Every structure is written in structure tokens, then in C-alpha cells.
Amino acid sequence: MKYAIRIEKHGSPEVMKYTSVNEESLKDGQVRIDHKAIGVNFIDTYFRSGLYPIDLPSGLGGEAAGAISEIGPGVDSLELGDRVAYVSPPPSDSYSQSTTIDSSKLIKLPREVDYKTAAAILLKGLTSWYLLRKTYEVRDGDYILLYAAAGGVGSIMCQWAKYLGVNVIGVVSTEEKKKIALENGCSEVLLYGENIVQSVKRITNNYGVPVVYDPIGKDSLYNSLDCLSPKGLLVSYGNASGVIDCLPVLELLKRGSLYVTRPTLWSYIKEKEDFQQGCRELFDLVREKVITANIGQSFPLERAVDAHYALERRQTKGSTILIP
């Protein structure tokens, strides 16, 4: 038996229940991991609420770090006690004391990366990797606009982008988060409620930015489009304010032949080689202290409800983790 978070219906954070469940039997190629730290991501709230429908009852979560406690048949690349981490298309079983997982989905942790750091940065770091290196390959000297610049993904993106020589214009909700965003490498930070378009045009000599990274969604759509330079790209990678359910394509024409994409990490790490490449680049920057975890808050696993409320009320800074 183990303890885990389970939901039997969609709804507010209270639908999450901390309960005992049976351990799964190991199949060929699988291992069991005792979790030491669990990553919490905004997408977890979408699966819980029903914005992204899932079959119920269900677990939650998509990343964790821990030690291998049991090895199934056909696994010869790992040993008992190995320190590992994983990301898995949510909802998986990461909000739990342990999980059973295919060994091919694991990455061994370098000795410089502890469990909490791994749980705080792996999914968010890989998201930053594909956004900055694959969806739109930023270049030295670029100006980019990044919403939620003090959040889990935003904090890592700021650090990574600064390392690449990029000028990050961040957008945050409070003066406290503005300070955090500047510390993480933003060259300019704007507050929600300001005239974002006017400020971006001022900073870029009325030209705009080649790319906007926007996890907010519905409420920021047209501001994001208006901040782009001709033939610029809006990368819409979240729905914090609601889903974008209508975008007339003529709006892209009127603003200078713009592009819009709605990417997901899983398309970029579907192949094992891509997953490993992203992890290598991320861990190299952690070793070099270019990227730090910035764990803003930690909750016991049984208080996952509190973690979700903090996320949805924009009360978090940096990454959030659960401890079993």
C-alpha cells in the first residue's frame, strides 16, 4: 500500500483526496521509484478542474524525483538506489509516495542535482528548453516578451534567455514578483494593468518583439498580438485566464502577417534522443549555476489542496514542490 492523491470528480482543489491505494505490480521493463520530491505545475490544475478532461478516478501530476526501490524483469541499465527523475504526460501517478514507471522514461540525476531541484526544474526546464531552443530559437540581442516571468517556467526561462544574450521584457502581477523577475535576468519588467503594448513599443523603438511567450491565454491574446513585430510569432503555451476559443485569422493579416502556435512539451520530447538532449542542456546549465531552482514554496503531499489554491490565486513564486 502507498498514499497518493486521487480525484473521483472534476472541480475545485477540494476534490483531491489523500488516500491509501494498492501498489502496482512491475511489468517487463518497469521499475518502482520511491518519490523524494514531486513537481507541481499549473497544467495539473487543468486536469483536476476538467478543463482538460480525463477518465476518472485518476491520479495527478507529471513529474517527480526519487530513488529506485524495485527493478522489474528486462531492466539492465539501472540499479537499486539509483537517483532518477521523470516527466510524464499528465495525469500520471506522481502525486504519490511511489510509482511504477517504464525505465525508458527515466533520466539519471547528476550528483550536482538533488531531488528537490530535479522535481522543481525538470518539466519546467524542458519546457523552457523547447520554447527558447525549438519553437522559436532566440538569438543574441533579441527582445522577447514573457508573461508570468516570476513563475515556475518564467523564472527558468528568464535565466536561460539571459545566458543566451536575450533581452527579456517580463510581465508580472506584483511589485514583489517584479523584483524576482529582475533578479532572474529580465531587462525590463511590466506589471499587469499597465499598457503593455505601449510599453513594449517604447522599449523596442516602436518595432515590437519577434516572439511573445504567453501562458495566460484568453485575457492577454490581443495585447500579445499587438506587441509583435511584422511576421512575429505568438507562442501561446497556457490557459491561466481561460482557453483561447476564437482567433479570426484576418487579425493576423492586419497586424503584419503574424504567426500563432499552441505547442506542448510532449511533441518535443516524444523521441528518447530529444528528451535526453533537453535534459543534458538543462543539467549542464544547472551545473554551471546559470539556472537555479528557485523553489518558492514546498508543501507536504497531503496538503496538495493548498498547493493548488496557491497556484490558482497567483500566490506562488518560482517553483512549487510536494514532499511525500
C-alpha atoms as a PDB file:
ATOM      1  CA  MET A   1       0.000   0.000   0.000  1.00  0.00           C
ATOM      2  CA  LYS A   2       1.021   3.610  -0.523  1.00  0.00           C
ATOM      3  CA  TYR A   3      -0.537   7.024  -0.013  1.00  0.00           C
ATOM      4  CA  ALA A   4      -1.425   9.128  -3.031  1.00  0.00           C
ATOM      5  CA  ILE A   5      -3.660  11.932  -4.238  1.00  0.00           C
ATOM      6  CA  ARG A   6      -6.746  10.754  -6.139  1.00  0.00           C
ATOM      7  CA  ILE A   7      -9.705  12.541  -7.699  1.00  0.00           C
ATOM      8  CA  GLU A   8     -13.090  10.949  -8.393  1.00  0.00           C
ATOM      9  CA  LYS A   9     -14.698  14.043  -9.928  1.00  0.00           C
ATOM     10  CA  HIS A  10     -13.578  17.301 -11.513  1.00  0.00           C
ATOM     11  CA  GLY A  11     -13.784  20.533  -9.597  1.00  0.00           C
ATOM     12  CA  SER A  12     -12.045  22.830  -7.111  1.00  0.00           C
ATOM     13  CA  PRO A  13      -8.907  21.730  -5.229  1.00  0.00           C
ATOM     14  CA  GLU A  14     -11.027  20.017  -2.575  1.00  0.00           C
ATOM     15  CA  VAL A  15     -11.775  17.152  -4.975  1.00  0.00           C
ATOM     16  CA  MET A  16      -8.220  15.935  -4.338  1.00  0.00           C
ATOM     17  CA  LYS A  17      -8.150  13.264  -1.640  1.00  0.00           C
ATOM     18  CA  TYR A  18      -5.088  11.882   0.156  1.00  0.00           C
ATOM     19  CA  THR A  19      -5.785   8.177   0.400  1.00  0.00           C
ATOM     20  CA  SER A  20      -4.194   4.739   0.516  1.00  0.00           C
ATOM     21  CA  VAL A  21      -4.015   2.779  -2.755  1.00  0.00           C
ATOM     22  CA  ASN A  22      -2.535  -0.513  -3.853  1.00  0.00           C
ATOM     23  CA  GLU A  23       0.962  -0.656  -5.321  1.00  0.00           C
ATOM     24  CA  GLU A  24       1.092  -1.734  -8.967  1.00  0.00           C
ATOM     25  CA  SER A  25       2.908  -4.941  -9.914  1.00  0.00           C
ATOM     26  CA  LEU A  26       6.034  -4.472 -12.006  1.00  0.00           C
ATOM     27  CA  LYS A  27       5.818  -5.421 -15.660  1.00  0.00           C
ATOM     28  CA  ASP A  28       8.625  -6.083 -18.101  1.00  0.00           C
ATOM     29  CA  GLY A  29      10.882  -3.028 -18.391  1.00  0.00           C
ATOM     30  CA  GLN A  30       9.442  -1.245 -15.360  1.00  0.00           C
ATOM     31  CA  VAL A  31      10.899  -0.051 -12.064  1.00  0.00           C
ATOM     32  CA  ARG A  32       9.434   1.275  -8.835  1.00  0.00           C
ATOM     33  CA  ILE A  33      10.528   4.679  -7.592  1.00  0.00           C
ATOM     34  CA  ASP A  34      10.169   5.942  -4.039  1.00  0.00           C
ATOM     35  CA  HIS A  35       9.450   9.617  -4.514  1.00  0.00           C
ATOM     36  CA  LYS A  36      11.548  12.143  -2.605  1.00  0.00           C
ATOM     37  CA  ALA A  37      10.139  15.304  -4.198  1.00  0.00           C
ATOM     38  CA  ILE A  38       7.241  15.957  -6.589  1.00  0.00           C
ATOM     39  CA  GLY A  39       6.873  18.807  -9.054  1.00  0.00           C
ATOM     40  CA  VAL A  40       3.661  20.827  -9.158  1.00  0.00           C
ATOM     41  CA  ASN A  41       2.721  22.529 -12.421  1.00  0.00           C
ATOM     42  CA  PHE A  42      -0.158  24.738 -13.492  1.00  0.00           C
ATOM     43  CA  ILE A  43      -1.264  22.139 -16.020  1.00  0.00           C
ATOM     44  CA  ASP A  44      -2.103  19.866 -13.069  1.00  0.00           C
ATOM     45  CA  THR A  45      -4.932  22.247 -12.199  1.00  0.00           C
ATOM     46  CA  TYR A  46      -6.381  21.869 -15.707  1.00  0.00           C
ATOM     47  CA  PHE A  47      -6.696  18.098 -15.321  1.00  0.00           C
ATOM     48  CA  ARG A  48      -8.129  18.444 -11.831  1.00  0.00           C
ATOM     49  CA  SER A  49     -10.707  21.049 -12.832  1.00  0.00           C
ATOM     50  CA  GLY A  50     -11.796  19.263 -16.005  1.00  0.00           C
ATOM     51  CA  LEU A  51     -10.529  21.928 -18.408  1.00  0.00           C
ATOM     52  CA  TYR A  52      -8.557  19.045 -19.890  1.00  0.00           C
ATOM     53  CA  PRO A  53     -10.977  16.100 -19.416  1.00  0.00           C
ATOM     54  CA  ILE A  54      -9.578  12.802 -18.144  1.00  0.00           C
ATOM     55  CA  ASP A  55     -11.011   9.428 -17.202  1.00  0.00           C
ATOM     56  CA  LEU A  56     -11.939   9.198 -13.533  1.00  0.00           C
ATOM     57  CA  PRO A  57     -10.968   8.172 -10.926  1.00  0.00           C
ATOM     58  CA  SER A  58      -7.430   9.368 -11.561  1.00  0.00           C
ATOM     59  CA  GLY A  59      -4.119  10.356 -10.059  1.00  0.00           C
ATOM     60  CA  LEU A  60      -2.493  13.699 -10.780  1.00  0.00           C
ATOM     61  CA  GLY A  61       0.894  15.139 -11.638  1.00  0.00           C
ATOM     62  CA  GLY A  62       3.537  14.745 -14.280  1.00  0.00           C
ATOM     63  CA  GLU A  63       7.000  14.818 -12.696  1.00  0.00           C
ATOM     64  CA  ALA A  64       8.925  13.653  -9.666  1.00  0.00           C
ATOM     65  CA  ALA A  65      12.368  12.629  -8.452  1.00  0.00           C
ATOM     66  CA  GLY A  66      13.312   9.710  -6.260  1.00  0.00           C
ATOM     67  CA  ALA A  67      15.291   6.519  -5.777  1.00  0.00           C
ATOM     68  CA  ILE A  68      14.726   3.149  -7.443  1.00  0.00           C
ATOM     69  CA  SER A  69      13.409   0.691  -4.867  1.00  0.00           C
ATOM     70  CA  GLU A  70      12.485  -2.263  -7.093  1.00  0.00           C
ATOM     71  CA  ILE A  71      13.512  -3.405 -10.568  1.00  0.00           C
ATOM     72  CA  GLY A  72      11.334  -5.449 -12.882  1.00  0.00           C
ATOM     73  CA  PRO A  73      12.342  -8.037 -15.490  1.00  0.00           C
ATOM     74  CA  GLY A  74      14.210  -6.843 -18.560  1.00  0.00           C
ATOM     75  CA  VAL A  75      15.822  -3.810 -16.926  1.00  0.00           C
ATOM     76  CA  ASP A  76      19.610  -3.883 -17.043  1.00  0.00           C
ATOM     77  CA  SER A  77      20.528  -0.199 -17.291  1.00  0.00           C
ATOM     78  CA  LEU A  78      19.510   0.772 -13.760  1.00  0.00           C
ATOM     79  CA  GLU A  79      20.331  -0.394 -10.237  1.00  0.00           C
ATOM     80  CA  LEU A  80      18.612  -0.301  -6.878  1.00  0.00           C
ATOM     81  CA  GLY A  81      19.165   3.060  -5.227  1.00  0.00           C
ATOM     82  CA  ASP A  82      19.818   4.958  -8.457  1.00  0.00           C
ATOM     83  CA  ARG A  83      18.736   8.585  -8.205  1.00  0.00           C
ATOM     84  CA  VAL A  84      16.350   9.348 -11.054  1.00  0.00           C
ATOM     85  CA  ALA A  85      13.673  11.748 -12.233  1.00  0.00           C
ATOM     86  CA  TYR A  86      10.969  11.685 -14.864  1.00  0.00           C
ATOM     87  CA  VAL A  87       8.391  13.721 -16.698  1.00  0.00           C
ATOM     88  CA  SER A  88       5.287  12.001 -17.977  1.00  0.00           C
ATOM     89  CA  PRO A  89       2.227  13.289 -19.821  1.00  0.00           C
ATOM     90  CA  PRO A  90      -0.178  14.137 -17.017  1.00  0.00           C
ATOM     91  CA  PRO A  91      -2.164  12.896 -15.356  1.00  0.00           C
ATOM     92  CA  SER A  92       0.270  10.274 -14.115  1.00  0.00           C
ATOM     93  CA  ASP A  93       0.835   8.996 -10.606  1.00  0.00           C
ATOM     94  CA  SER A  94       3.448  11.467  -9.457  1.00  0.00           C
ATOM     95  CA  TYR A  95       1.298  12.909  -6.625  1.00  0.00           C
ATOM     96  CA  SER A  96       2.100   9.795  -4.585  1.00  0.00           C
ATOM     97  CA  GLN A  97       4.662   8.229  -2.278  1.00  0.00           C
ATOM     98  CA  SER A  98       5.893   5.978  -5.085  1.00  0.00           C
ATOM     99  CA  THR A  99       5.157   4.985  -8.644  1.00  0.00           C
ATOM    100  CA  THR A 100       5.764   2.251 -11.191  1.00  0.00           C
ATOM    101  CA  ILE A 101       7.152   3.502 -14.486  1.00  0.00           C
ATOM    102  CA  ASP A 102       8.800   2.348 -17.694  1.00  0.00           C
ATOM    103  CA  SER A 103      12.563   2.558 -17.213  1.00  0.00           C
ATOM    104  CA  SER A 104      13.000   4.232 -20.629  1.00  0.00           C
ATOM    105  CA  LYS A 105      11.230   7.346 -19.303  1.00  0.00           C
ATOM    106  CA  LEU A 106      13.804   7.969 -16.574  1.00  0.00           C
ATOM    107  CA  ILE A 107      16.823  10.215 -16.501  1.00  0.00           C
ATOM    108  CA  LYS A 108      19.624   9.620 -14.021  1.00  0.00           C
ATOM    109  CA  LEU A 109      20.378  12.639 -11.881  1.00  0.00           C
ATOM    110  CA  PRO A 110      23.865  14.127 -11.921  1.00  0.00           C
ATOM    111  CA  ARG A 111      25.398  14.250  -8.461  1.00  0.00           C
ATOM    112  CA  GLU A 112      25.134  18.060  -8.503  1.00  0.00           C
ATOM    113  CA  VAL A 113      21.317  17.897  -8.774  1.00  0.00           C
ATOM    114  CA  ASP A 114      19.417  16.965  -5.608  1.00  0.00           C
ATOM    115  CA  TYR A 115      15.883  15.567  -5.502  1.00  0.00           C
ATOM    116  CA  LYS A 116      14.150  18.864  -4.731  1.00  0.00           C
ATOM    117  CA  THR A 117      15.971  20.678  -7.510  1.00  0.00           C
ATOM    118  CA  ALA A 118      15.146  17.937 -10.007  1.00  0.00           C
ATOM    119  CA  ALA A 119      11.444  17.975  -9.111  1.00  0.00           C
ATOM    120  CA  ALA A 120      11.378  21.760  -9.305  1.00  0.00           C
ATOM    121  CA  ILE A 121      13.081  22.170 -12.663  1.00  0.00           C
ATOM    122  CA  LEU A 122      12.751  19.120 -14.901  1.00  0.00           C
ATOM    123  CA  LEU A 123       9.375  19.715 -16.537  1.00  0.00           C
ATOM    124  CA  LYS A 124       9.678  23.499 -16.300  1.00  0.00           C
ATOM    125  CA  GLY A 125      13.268  23.390 -17.536  1.00  0.00           C
ATOM    126  CA  LEU A 126      12.402  21.180 -20.501  1.00  0.00           C
ATOM    127  CA  THR A 127       9.503  23.497 -21.265  1.00  0.00           C
ATOM    128  CA  SER A 128      11.921  26.430 -21.242  1.00  0.00           C
ATOM    129  CA  TRP A 129      14.291  24.439 -23.472  1.00  0.00           C
ATOM    130  CA  TYR A 130      11.757  23.716 -26.187  1.00  0.00           C
ATOM    131  CA  LEU A 131      10.240  27.211 -26.072  1.00  0.00           C
ATOM    132  CA  LEU A 132      13.584  29.018 -26.358  1.00  0.00           C
ATOM    133  CA  ARG A 133      15.519  26.498 -28.435  1.00  0.00           C
ATOM    134  CA  LYS A 134      12.955  24.739 -30.615  1.00  0.00           C
ATOM    135  CA  THR A 135       9.596  26.517 -31.006  1.00  0.00           C
ATOM    136  CA  TYR A 136      11.392  29.809 -31.633  1.00  0.00           C
ATOM    137  CA  GLU A 137      15.172  29.779 -31.494  1.00  0.00           C
ATOM    138  CA  VAL A 138      16.041  33.023 -29.724  1.00  0.00           C
ATOM    139  CA  ARG A 139      19.203  34.835 -30.741  1.00  0.00           C
ATOM    140  CA  ASP A 140      21.732  37.049 -29.028  1.00  0.00           C
ATOM    141  CA  GLY A 141      20.342  40.585 -28.935  1.00  0.00           C
ATOM    142  CA  ASP A 142      16.691  39.637 -29.408  1.00  0.00           C
ATOM    143  CA  TYR A 143      13.976  41.334 -27.388  1.00  0.00           C
ATOM    144  CA  ILE A 144      11.233  38.941 -26.267  1.00  0.00           C
ATOM    145  CA  LEU A 145       8.059  39.380 -24.222  1.00  0.00           C
ATOM    146  CA  LEU A 146       7.426  36.835 -21.465  1.00  0.00           C
ATOM    147  CA  TYR A 147       4.286  36.734 -19.335  1.00  0.00           C
ATOM    148  CA  ALA A 148       4.375  35.224 -15.818  1.00  0.00           C
ATOM    149  CA  ALA A 149       8.083  35.979 -15.686  1.00  0.00           C
ATOM    150  CA  ALA A 150       8.349  35.214 -11.954  1.00  0.00           C
ATOM    151  CA  GLY A 151       6.524  31.875 -12.134  1.00  0.00           C
ATOM    152  CA  GLY A 152       7.940  28.371 -12.311  1.00  0.00           C
ATOM    153  CA  VAL A 153       8.569  28.266 -16.061  1.00  0.00           C
ATOM    154  CA  GLY A 154       9.106  32.012 -16.334  1.00  0.00           C
ATOM    155  CA  SER A 155      11.887  32.089 -13.747  1.00  0.00           C
ATOM    156  CA  ILE A 156      13.860  29.426 -15.600  1.00  0.00           C
ATOM    157  CA  MET A 157      13.189  30.989 -18.998  1.00  0.00           C
ATOM    158  CA  CYS A 158      14.495  34.345 -17.778  1.00  0.00           C
ATOM    159  CA  GLN A 159      17.745  32.785 -16.570  1.00  0.00           C
ATOM    160  CA  TRP A 160      18.215  30.739 -19.730  1.00  0.00           C
ATOM    161  CA  ALA A 161      17.364  33.610 -22.072  1.00  0.00           C
ATOM    162  CA  LYS A 162      19.766  35.974 -20.333  1.00  0.00           C
ATOM    163  CA  TYR A 163      22.523  33.355 -20.717  1.00  0.00           C
ATOM    164  CA  LEU A 164      21.766  33.324 -24.460  1.00  0.00           C
ATOM    165  CA  GLY A 165      22.116  37.111 -24.664  1.00  0.00           C
ATOM    166  CA  VAL A 166      18.394  37.834 -24.954  1.00  0.00           C
ATOM    167  CA  ASN A 167      16.678  40.942 -23.601  1.00  0.00           C
ATOM    168  CA  VAL A 168      13.618  39.732 -21.704  1.00  0.00           C
ATOM    169  CA  ILE A 169      10.659  42.045 -21.166  1.00  0.00           C
ATOM    170  CA  GLY A 170       8.789  40.330 -18.353  1.00  0.00           C
ATOM    171  CA  VAL A 171       5.197  40.780 -17.224  1.00  0.00           C
ATOM    172  CA  VAL A 172       4.225  40.024 -13.592  1.00  0.00           C
ATOM    173  CA  SER A 173       1.368  40.729 -11.190  1.00  0.00           C
ATOM    174  CA  THR A 174       3.046  42.391  -8.170  1.00  0.00           C
ATOM    175  CA  GLU A 175       5.979  44.592  -7.209  1.00  0.00           C
ATOM    176  CA  GLU A 176       7.444  41.671  -5.245  1.00  0.00           C
ATOM    177  CA  LYS A 177       7.373  39.476  -8.344  1.00  0.00           C
ATOM    178  CA  LYS A 178       8.862  42.332 -10.366  1.00  0.00           C
ATOM    179  CA  LYS A 179      11.925  42.201  -8.131  1.00  0.00           C
ATOM    180  CA  ILE A 180      12.179  38.431  -8.590  1.00  0.00           C
ATOM    181  CA  ALA A 181      11.925  38.730 -12.368  1.00  0.00           C
ATOM    182  CA  LEU A 182      14.696  41.328 -12.462  1.00  0.00           C
ATOM    183  CA  GLU A 183      16.907  39.116 -10.292  1.00  0.00           C
ATOM    184  CA  ASN A 184      16.322  36.231 -12.709  1.00  0.00           C
ATOM    185  CA  GLY A 185      17.542  38.220 -15.684  1.00  0.00           C
ATOM    186  CA  CYS A 186      14.749  40.372 -17.103  1.00  0.00           C
ATOM    187  CA  SER A 187      15.986  43.596 -18.612  1.00  0.00           C
ATOM    188  CA  GLU A 188      12.581  45.258 -18.159  1.00  0.00           C
ATOM    189  CA  VAL A 189       9.547  44.208 -16.096  1.00  0.00           C
ATOM    190  CA  LEU A 190       5.988  45.412 -16.614  1.00  0.00           C
ATOM    191  CA  LEU A 191       3.016  44.989 -14.277  1.00  0.00           C
ATOM    192  CA  TYR A 192      -0.380  43.630 -15.255  1.00  0.00           C
ATOM    193  CA  GLY A 193      -2.643  46.642 -15.549  1.00  0.00           C
ATOM    194  CA  GLU A 194      -0.041  48.748 -17.317  1.00  0.00           C
ATOM    195  CA  ASN A 195      -0.401  49.489 -21.003  1.00  0.00           C
ATOM    196  CA  ILE A 196       1.693  46.503 -22.079  1.00  0.00           C
ATOM    197  CA  VAL A 197       1.576  47.292 -25.798  1.00  0.00           C
ATOM    198  CA  GLN A 198       2.627  50.906 -25.330  1.00  0.00           C
ATOM    199  CA  SER A 199       5.486  49.911 -23.038  1.00  0.00           C
ATOM    200  CA  VAL A 200       6.785  47.238 -25.403  1.00  0.00           C
ATOM    201  CA  LYS A 201       6.692  49.640 -28.331  1.00  0.00           C
ATOM    202  CA  ARG A 202       8.614  52.206 -26.273  1.00  0.00           C
ATOM    203  CA  ILE A 203      11.285  49.699 -25.271  1.00  0.00           C
ATOM    204  CA  THR A 204      11.702  48.419 -28.855  1.00  0.00           C
ATOM    205  CA  ASN A 205      11.649  51.807 -30.597  1.00  0.00           C
ATOM    206  CA  ASN A 206       8.105  51.182 -31.848  1.00  0.00           C
ATOM    207  CA  TYR A 207       9.054  47.963 -33.653  1.00  0.00           C
ATOM    208  CA  GLY A 208       7.742  45.255 -31.355  1.00  0.00           C
ATOM    209  CA  VAL A 209       9.225  41.871 -30.478  1.00  0.00           C
ATOM    210  CA  PRO A 210       9.746  38.859 -32.766  1.00  0.00           C
ATOM    211  CA  VAL A 211       8.191  36.450 -30.252  1.00  0.00           C
ATOM    212  CA  VAL A 212       5.770  36.595 -27.323  1.00  0.00           C
ATOM    213  CA  TYR A 213       5.653  33.715 -24.834  1.00  0.00           C
ATOM    214  CA  ASP A 214       2.195  33.748 -23.296  1.00  0.00           C
ATOM    215  CA  PRO A 215       0.842  31.220 -20.740  1.00  0.00           C
ATOM    216  CA  ILE A 216      -2.080  33.488 -19.785  1.00  0.00           C
ATOM    217  CA  GLY A 217      -4.352  32.746 -22.722  1.00  0.00           C
ATOM    218  CA  LYS A 218      -7.695  34.424 -23.298  1.00  0.00           C
ATOM    219  CA  ASP A 219      -7.196  37.708 -21.418  1.00  0.00           C
ATOM    220  CA  SER A 220      -3.836  38.581 -22.973  1.00  0.00           C
ATOM    221  CA  LEU A 221      -4.392  37.405 -26.557  1.00  0.00           C
ATOM    222  CA  TYR A 222      -4.787  40.728 -28.355  1.00  0.00           C
ATOM    223  CA  ASN A 223      -2.182  42.537 -26.275  1.00  0.00           C
ATOM    224  CA  SER A 224       0.257  39.766 -27.175  1.00  0.00           C
ATOM    225  CA  LEU A 225      -0.526  40.068 -30.887  1.00  0.00           C
ATOM    226  CA  ASP A 226      -0.172  43.857 -30.762  1.00  0.00           C
ATOM    227  CA  CYS A 227       3.292  43.554 -29.204  1.00  0.00           C
ATOM    228  CA  LEU A 228       4.670  41.545 -32.125  1.00  0.00           C
ATOM    229  CA  SER A 229       6.799  42.910 -34.917  1.00  0.00           C
ATOM    230  CA  PRO A 230       5.794  42.091 -38.526  1.00  0.00           C
ATOM    231  CA  LYS A 231       5.896  38.311 -39.156  1.00  0.00           C
ATOM    232  CA  GLY A 232       6.304  37.765 -35.421  1.00  0.00           C
ATOM    233  CA  LEU A 233       5.277  34.635 -33.540  1.00  0.00           C
ATOM    234  CA  LEU A 234       2.855  34.309 -30.625  1.00  0.00           C
ATOM    235  CA  VAL A 235       3.689  31.193 -28.603  1.00  0.00           C
ATOM    236  CA  SER A 236       0.560  30.510 -26.560  1.00  0.00           C
ATOM    237  CA  TYR A 237       1.505  27.764 -24.112  1.00  0.00           C
ATOM    238  CA  GLY A 238      -1.072  28.044 -21.315  1.00  0.00           C
ATOM    239  CA  ASN A 239      -4.619  28.952 -20.341  1.00  0.00           C
ATOM    240  CA  ALA A 240      -4.309  30.617 -16.930  1.00  0.00           C
ATOM    241  CA  SER A 241      -7.104  33.099 -17.739  1.00  0.00           C
ATOM    242  CA  GLY A 242      -9.117  30.749 -19.943  1.00  0.00           C
ATOM    243  CA  VAL A 243      -8.866  28.955 -23.258  1.00  0.00           C
ATOM    244  CA  ILE A 244      -8.473  30.952 -26.470  1.00  0.00           C
ATOM    245  CA  ASP A 245     -11.513  29.619 -28.316  1.00  0.00           C
ATOM    246  CA  CYS A 246     -11.686  32.084 -31.194  1.00  0.00           C
ATOM    247  CA  LEU A 247      -8.983  33.886 -33.175  1.00  0.00           C
ATOM    248  CA  PRO A 248     -10.103  35.280 -36.551  1.00  0.00           C
ATOM    249  CA  VAL A 249      -7.197  34.707 -38.935  1.00  0.00           C
ATOM    250  CA  LEU A 250      -7.667  38.142 -40.513  1.00  0.00           C
ATOM    251  CA  GLU A 251      -6.431  39.619 -37.226  1.00  0.00           C
ATOM    252  CA  LEU A 252      -3.026  38.109 -38.061  1.00  0.00           C
ATOM    253  CA  LEU A 253      -3.052  39.717 -41.504  1.00  0.00           C
ATOM    254  CA  LYS A 254      -3.954  43.154 -40.139  1.00  0.00           C
ATOM    255  CA  ARG A 255      -1.044  43.115 -37.698  1.00  0.00           C
ATOM    256  CA  GLY A 256       1.678  42.273 -40.211  1.00  0.00           C
ATOM    257  CA  SER A 257       1.400  38.626 -41.313  1.00  0.00           C
ATOM    258  CA  LEU A 258       1.748  37.157 -37.814  1.00  0.00           C
ATOM    259  CA  TYR A 259       2.086  33.535 -36.747  1.00  0.00           C
ATOM    260  CA  VAL A 260       0.499  31.736 -33.789  1.00  0.00           C
ATOM    261  CA  THR A 261       1.395  28.346 -32.328  1.00  0.00           C
ATOM    262  CA  ARG A 262      -0.006  26.335 -29.424  1.00  0.00           C
ATOM    263  CA  PRO A 263       2.801  23.873 -28.568  1.00  0.00           C
ATOM    264  CA  THR A 264       3.158  21.186 -25.929  1.00  0.00           C
ATOM    265  CA  LEU A 265       6.288  19.698 -24.419  1.00  0.00           C
ATOM    266  CA  TRP A 266       5.262  16.146 -25.309  1.00  0.00           C
ATOM    267  CA  SER A 267       5.616  16.836 -29.030  1.00  0.00           C
ATOM    268  CA  TYR A 268       9.218  17.897 -28.468  1.00  0.00           C
ATOM    269  CA  ILE A 269      10.371  15.001 -26.259  1.00  0.00           C
ATOM    270  CA  LYS A 270       8.421  12.177 -27.878  1.00  0.00           C
ATOM    271  CA  GLU A 271      11.678  10.622 -29.067  1.00  0.00           C
ATOM    272  CA  LYS A 272      14.066   9.431 -26.364  1.00  0.00           C
ATOM    273  CA  GLU A 273      17.001  11.201 -28.039  1.00  0.00           C
ATOM    274  CA  ASP A 274      15.210  14.558 -27.859  1.00  0.00           C
ATOM    275  CA  PHE A 275      14.318  14.002 -24.195  1.00  0.00           C
ATOM    276  CA  GLN A 276      17.925  13.216 -23.371  1.00  0.00           C
ATOM    277  CA  GLN A 277      19.213  16.206 -25.358  1.00  0.00           C
ATOM    278  CA  GLY A 278      16.934  18.562 -23.472  1.00  0.00           C
ATOM    279  CA  CYS A 279      17.975  17.064 -20.120  1.00  0.00           C
ATOM    280  CA  ARG A 280      21.671  17.375 -20.998  1.00  0.00           C
ATOM    281  CA  GLU A 281      21.357  21.041 -21.914  1.00  0.00           C
ATOM    282  CA  LEU A 282      19.315  21.753 -18.798  1.00  0.00           C
ATOM    283  CA  PHE A 283      21.572  19.900 -16.359  1.00  0.00           C
ATOM    284  CA  ASP A 284      24.689  21.460 -17.896  1.00  0.00           C
ATOM    285  CA  LEU A 285      23.311  24.905 -17.074  1.00  0.00           C
ATOM    286  CA  VAL A 286      22.382  23.780 -13.556  1.00  0.00           C
ATOM    287  CA  ARG A 287      25.969  22.556 -13.034  1.00  0.00           C
ATOM    288  CA  GLU A 288      27.298  25.887 -14.290  1.00  0.00           C
ATOM    289  CA  LYS A 289      24.876  27.686 -11.920  1.00  0.00           C
ATOM    290  CA  VAL A 290      23.311  29.514 -14.855  1.00  0.00           C
ATOM    291  CA  ILE A 291      19.950  28.065 -13.789  1.00  0.00           C
ATOM    292  CA  THR A 292      18.839  27.701 -10.179  1.00  0.00           C
ATOM    293  CA  ALA A 293      15.658  26.040  -8.999  1.00  0.00           C
ATOM    294  CA  ASN A 294      14.104  28.991  -7.131  1.00  0.00           C
ATOM    295  CA  ILE A 295      11.785  26.817  -5.050  1.00  0.00           C
ATOM    296  CA  GLY A 296       9.341  29.386  -3.750  1.00  0.00           C
ATOM    297  CA  GLN A 297       7.135  27.061  -1.724  1.00  0.00           C
ATOM    298  CA  SER A 298       7.028  23.448  -0.557  1.00  0.00           C
ATOM    299  CA  PHE A 299       4.003  21.538   0.756  1.00  0.00           C
ATOM    300  CA  PRO A 300       3.599  18.070   2.267  1.00  0.00           C
ATOM    301  CA  LEU A 301       1.940  15.706  -0.210  1.00  0.00           C
ATOM    302  CA  GLU A 302      -1.183  15.541   1.947  1.00  0.00           C
ATOM    303  CA  ARG A 303      -1.570  19.326   1.508  1.00  0.00           C
ATOM    304  CA  ALA A 304      -1.757  19.264  -2.285  1.00  0.00           C
ATOM    305  CA  VAL A 305      -5.061  21.132  -1.994  1.00  0.00           C
ATOM    306  CA  ASP A 306      -3.216  24.133  -0.533  1.00  0.00           C
ATOM    307  CA  ALA A 307      -0.626  23.993  -3.305  1.00  0.00           C
ATOM    308  CA  HIS A 308      -3.314  24.167  -5.995  1.00  0.00           C
ATOM    309  CA  TYR A 309      -5.090  27.054  -4.311  1.00  0.00           C
ATOM    310  CA  ALA A 310      -1.796  28.961  -4.123  1.00  0.00           C
ATOM    311  CA  LEU A 311      -1.163  28.359  -7.833  1.00  0.00           C
ATOM    312  CA  GLU A 312      -4.597  29.433  -8.974  1.00  0.00           C
ATOM    313  CA  ARG A 313      -4.606  32.541  -6.787  1.00  0.00           C
ATOM    314  CA  ARG A 314      -1.203  33.598  -8.156  1.00  0.00           C
ATOM    315  CA  GLN A 315       0.285  33.402  -4.673  1.00  0.00           C
ATOM    316  CA  THR A 316       3.334  31.366  -5.724  1.00  0.00           C
ATOM    317  CA  LYS A 317       6.834  32.485  -6.635  1.00  0.00           C
ATOM    318  CA  GLY A 318       9.186  30.301  -8.667  1.00  0.00           C
ATOM    319  CA  SER A 319       8.625  26.553  -8.457  1.00  0.00           C
ATOM    320  CA  THR A 320       6.295  24.631  -6.162  1.00  0.00           C
ATOM    321  CA  ILE A 321       7.007  21.111  -4.913  1.00  0.00           C
ATOM    322  CA  LEU A 322       5.335  18.459  -2.772  1.00  0.00           C
ATOM    323  CA  ILE A 323       7.212  16.295  -0.278  1.00  0.00           C
ATOM    324  CA  PRO A 324       5.843  12.767   0.375  1.00  0.00           C
END
